[in-house]
Amino acid sequence: MSHGYDRAALCRGTMTSGMNLAQVAAARARLAELGEDLPAPAVMAAEPVVSVRVCVLAGLLAGALVWLVR
């Protein structure tokens, strides 16, 4: 057993613990291909669909109606 080698490999972060490095390289290449296939992110609208003022007024109206009905 080479415990000294294992400890040094763990410290360097190079211990593969039985991983197939060819599969890792293939997975990285596939991820890079997938990244190229992704569409560009959607552009957000400059103005919101409903303003905050409208939402606050609607909430106040709903609260007033609930208060009147109770």
N, C-alpha and C. Protein backbone atom coordinates (compact mmCIF):
# COMPACT_ATOMS: atom_id res chain seq x y z
N MET A 1 0.84 -1.19 0.00
CA MET A 1 0.00 0.00 0.00
C MET A 1 0.88 1.24 0.00
N SER A 2 0.44 2.23 -0.72
CA SER A 2 1.22 3.47 -0.76
C SER A 2 0.38 4.59 -0.18
N HIS A 3 0.28 4.60 1.14
CA HIS A 3 -0.55 5.61 1.80
C HIS A 3 0.01 7.01 1.60
N GLY A 4 1.34 7.12 1.53
CA GLY A 4 1.94 8.43 1.30
C GLY A 4 1.55 9.00 -0.05
N TYR A 5 1.52 8.12 -1.07
CA TYR A 5 1.13 8.56 -2.40
C TYR A 5 -0.33 9.01 -2.41
N ASP A 6 -1.20 8.22 -1.77
CA ASP A 6 -2.63 8.57 -1.73
C ASP A 6 -2.84 9.91 -1.04
N ARG A 7 -2.14 10.11 0.07
CA ARG A 7 -2.30 11.36 0.80
C ARG A 7 -1.83 12.55 -0.05
N ALA A 8 -0.71 12.39 -0.73
CA ALA A 8 -0.20 13.48 -1.58
C ALA A 8 -1.15 13.74 -2.74
N ALA A 9 -1.71 12.67 -3.31
CA ALA A 9 -2.64 12.84 -4.42
C ALA A 9 -3.91 13.54 -3.96
N LEU A 10 -4.38 13.21 -2.76
CA LEU A 10 -5.57 13.88 -2.23
C LEU A 10 -5.30 15.35 -2.00
N CYS A 11 -4.11 15.67 -1.50
CA CYS A 11 -3.77 17.08 -1.25
C CYS A 11 -3.72 17.88 -2.54
N ARG A 12 -3.22 17.26 -3.60
CA ARG A 12 -3.12 17.96 -4.89
C ARG A 12 -4.45 17.93 -5.64
N GLY A 13 -5.36 17.06 -5.24
CA GLY A 13 -6.63 16.94 -5.93
C GLY A 13 -6.51 16.14 -7.21
N THR A 14 -5.49 15.26 -7.29
CA THR A 14 -5.28 14.49 -8.51
C THR A 14 -5.63 13.03 -8.36
N MET A 15 -6.16 12.63 -7.23
CA MET A 15 -6.52 11.23 -7.04
C MET A 15 -7.82 10.95 -7.77
N THR A 16 -7.79 10.01 -8.69
CA THR A 16 -8.95 9.76 -9.53
C THR A 16 -9.85 8.67 -8.96
N SER A 17 -9.39 7.89 -8.04
CA SER A 17 -10.14 6.81 -7.38
C SER A 17 -10.88 5.93 -8.38
N GLY A 18 -10.20 5.53 -9.44
CA GLY A 18 -10.77 4.60 -10.39
C GLY A 18 -11.62 5.23 -11.48
N MET A 19 -11.64 6.54 -11.62
CA MET A 19 -12.41 7.18 -12.68
C MET A 19 -11.76 6.91 -14.03
N ASN A 20 -12.56 6.75 -15.03
CA ASN A 20 -12.05 6.58 -16.38
C ASN A 20 -11.84 7.98 -16.95
N LEU A 21 -10.59 8.38 -17.09
CA LEU A 21 -10.28 9.75 -17.52
C LEU A 21 -10.73 10.00 -18.95
N ALA A 22 -10.80 8.96 -19.78
CA ALA A 22 -11.29 9.14 -21.14
C ALA A 22 -12.78 9.50 -21.13
N GLN A 23 -13.54 8.89 -20.21
CA GLN A 23 -14.96 9.22 -20.10
C GLN A 23 -15.14 10.64 -19.59
N VAL A 24 -14.29 11.06 -18.68
CA VAL A 24 -14.37 12.43 -18.16
C VAL A 24 -14.10 13.43 -19.28
N ALA A 25 -13.08 13.16 -20.09
CA ALA A 25 -12.75 14.05 -21.20
C ALA A 25 -13.89 14.09 -22.22
N ALA A 26 -14.51 12.93 -22.49
CA ALA A 26 -15.63 12.89 -23.43
C ALA A 26 -16.83 13.65 -22.88
N ALA A 27 -17.08 13.55 -21.59
CA ALA A 27 -18.20 14.28 -20.97
C ALA A 27 -17.95 15.78 -21.03
N ARG A 28 -16.72 16.20 -20.80
CA ARG A 28 -16.41 17.64 -20.89
C ARG A 28 -16.60 18.16 -22.31
N ALA A 29 -16.17 17.36 -23.29
CA ALA A 29 -16.35 17.77 -24.68
C ALA A 29 -17.83 17.86 -25.03
N ARG A 30 -18.63 16.92 -24.55
CA ARG A 30 -20.07 16.94 -24.82
C ARG A 30 -20.74 18.15 -24.17
N LEU A 31 -20.32 18.49 -22.95
CA LEU A 31 -20.87 19.67 -22.30
C LEU A 31 -20.52 20.94 -23.08
N ALA A 32 -19.31 20.99 -23.61
CA ALA A 32 -18.93 22.15 -24.42
C ALA A 32 -19.80 22.25 -25.67
N GLU A 33 -20.09 21.09 -26.30
CA GLU A 33 -20.97 21.09 -27.47
C GLU A 33 -22.38 21.55 -27.10
N LEU A 34 -22.88 21.09 -25.97
CA LEU A 34 -24.22 21.50 -25.54
C LEU A 34 -24.27 22.99 -25.27
N GLY A 35 -23.20 23.53 -24.71
CA GLY A 35 -23.15 24.97 -24.44
C GLY A 35 -23.22 25.79 -25.71
N GLU A 36 -22.64 25.26 -26.81
CA GLU A 36 -22.69 25.98 -28.08
C GLU A 36 -24.08 25.92 -28.70
N ASP A 37 -24.85 24.87 -28.39
CA ASP A 37 -26.18 24.71 -28.96
C ASP A 37 -27.26 25.52 -28.26
N LEU A 38 -26.95 26.08 -27.10
CA LEU A 38 -27.96 26.82 -26.34
C LEU A 38 -28.31 28.12 -27.05
N PRO A 39 -29.58 28.48 -27.07
CA PRO A 39 -29.96 29.76 -27.68
C PRO A 39 -29.54 30.92 -26.79
N ALA A 40 -29.51 32.09 -27.38
CA ALA A 40 -29.16 33.30 -26.62
C ALA A 40 -30.26 33.57 -25.60
N PRO A 41 -29.91 34.13 -24.45
CA PRO A 41 -30.94 34.43 -23.45
C PRO A 41 -31.93 35.48 -23.96
N ALA A 42 -33.16 35.36 -23.51
CA ALA A 42 -34.21 36.29 -23.92
C ALA A 42 -33.97 37.66 -23.30
N VAL A 43 -34.30 38.67 -24.04
CA VAL A 43 -34.13 40.04 -23.56
C VAL A 43 -35.38 40.43 -22.78
N MET A 44 -35.18 40.94 -21.58
CA MET A 44 -36.30 41.36 -20.75
C MET A 44 -36.87 42.67 -21.29
N ALA A 45 -38.19 42.83 -21.11
CA ALA A 45 -38.85 44.06 -21.54
C ALA A 45 -38.35 45.22 -20.69
N ALA A 46 -38.24 46.38 -21.29
CA ALA A 46 -37.75 47.55 -20.57
C ALA A 46 -38.75 47.98 -19.49
N GLU A 47 -40.02 47.91 -19.81
CA GLU A 47 -41.05 48.31 -18.86
C GLU A 47 -41.83 47.07 -18.40
N PRO A 48 -42.20 47.00 -17.13
CA PRO A 48 -42.98 45.85 -16.68
C PRO A 48 -44.38 45.86 -17.31
N VAL A 49 -44.99 44.70 -17.38
CA VAL A 49 -46.31 44.58 -17.98
C VAL A 49 -47.33 45.34 -17.14
N VAL A 50 -47.27 45.19 -15.83
CA VAL A 50 -48.17 45.90 -14.92
C VAL A 50 -47.29 46.67 -13.94
N SER A 51 -47.61 47.94 -13.75
CA SER A 51 -46.79 48.75 -12.84
C SER A 51 -47.10 48.43 -11.38
N VAL A 52 -46.20 48.78 -10.52
CA VAL A 52 -46.37 48.54 -9.09
C VAL A 52 -47.54 49.36 -8.56
N ARG A 53 -47.72 50.54 -9.10
CA ARG A 53 -48.81 51.42 -8.66
C ARG A 53 -50.17 50.76 -8.90
N VAL A 54 -50.33 50.12 -10.04
CA VAL A 54 -51.59 49.44 -10.36
C VAL A 54 -51.82 48.28 -9.41
N CYS A 55 -50.77 47.54 -9.09
CA CYS A 55 -50.90 46.41 -8.16
C CYS A 55 -51.29 46.89 -6.77
N VAL A 56 -50.69 47.98 -6.30
CA VAL A 56 -51.01 48.51 -4.97
C VAL A 56 -52.45 49.00 -4.94
N LEU A 57 -52.86 49.71 -5.97
CA LEU A 57 -54.24 50.21 -6.01
C LEU A 57 -55.24 49.06 -6.06
N ALA A 58 -54.94 48.00 -6.81
CA ALA A 58 -55.83 46.85 -6.88
C ALA A 58 -55.92 46.17 -5.51
N GLY A 59 -54.80 46.07 -4.81
CA GLY A 59 -54.81 45.48 -3.47
C GLY A 59 -55.62 46.30 -2.49
N LEU A 60 -55.47 47.62 -2.56
CA LEU A 60 -56.25 48.50 -1.68
C LEU A 60 -57.75 48.39 -1.98
N LEU A 61 -58.11 48.32 -3.24
CA LEU A 61 -59.51 48.18 -3.62
C LEU A 61 -60.07 46.85 -3.12
N ALA A 62 -59.33 45.77 -3.30
CA ALA A 62 -59.79 44.47 -2.83
C ALA A 62 -59.93 44.46 -1.31
N GLY A 63 -58.98 45.07 -0.61
CA GLY A 63 -59.06 45.15 0.85
C GLY A 63 -60.26 45.96 1.31
N ALA A 64 -60.54 47.06 0.62
CA ALA A 64 -61.69 47.90 0.98
C ALA A 64 -62.99 47.15 0.74
N LEU A 65 -63.06 46.41 -0.35
CA LEU A 65 -64.28 45.65 -0.62
C LEU A 65 -64.49 44.55 0.42
N VAL A 66 -63.43 43.87 0.81
CA VAL A 66 -63.54 42.84 1.84
C VAL A 66 -63.97 43.46 3.16
N TRP A 67 -63.44 44.61 3.49
CA TRP A 67 -63.79 45.30 4.72
C TRP A 67 -65.25 45.71 4.73
N LEU A 68 -65.75 46.17 3.58
CA LEU A 68 -67.16 46.57 3.48
C LEU A 68 -68.09 45.36 3.59
N VAL A 69 -67.73 44.26 2.99
CA VAL A 69 -68.59 43.08 2.99
C VAL A 69 -68.63 42.44 4.37
N ARG A 70 -67.55 42.45 5.08
CA ARG A 70 -67.52 41.85 6.42
C ARG A 70 -68.34 42.68 7.31
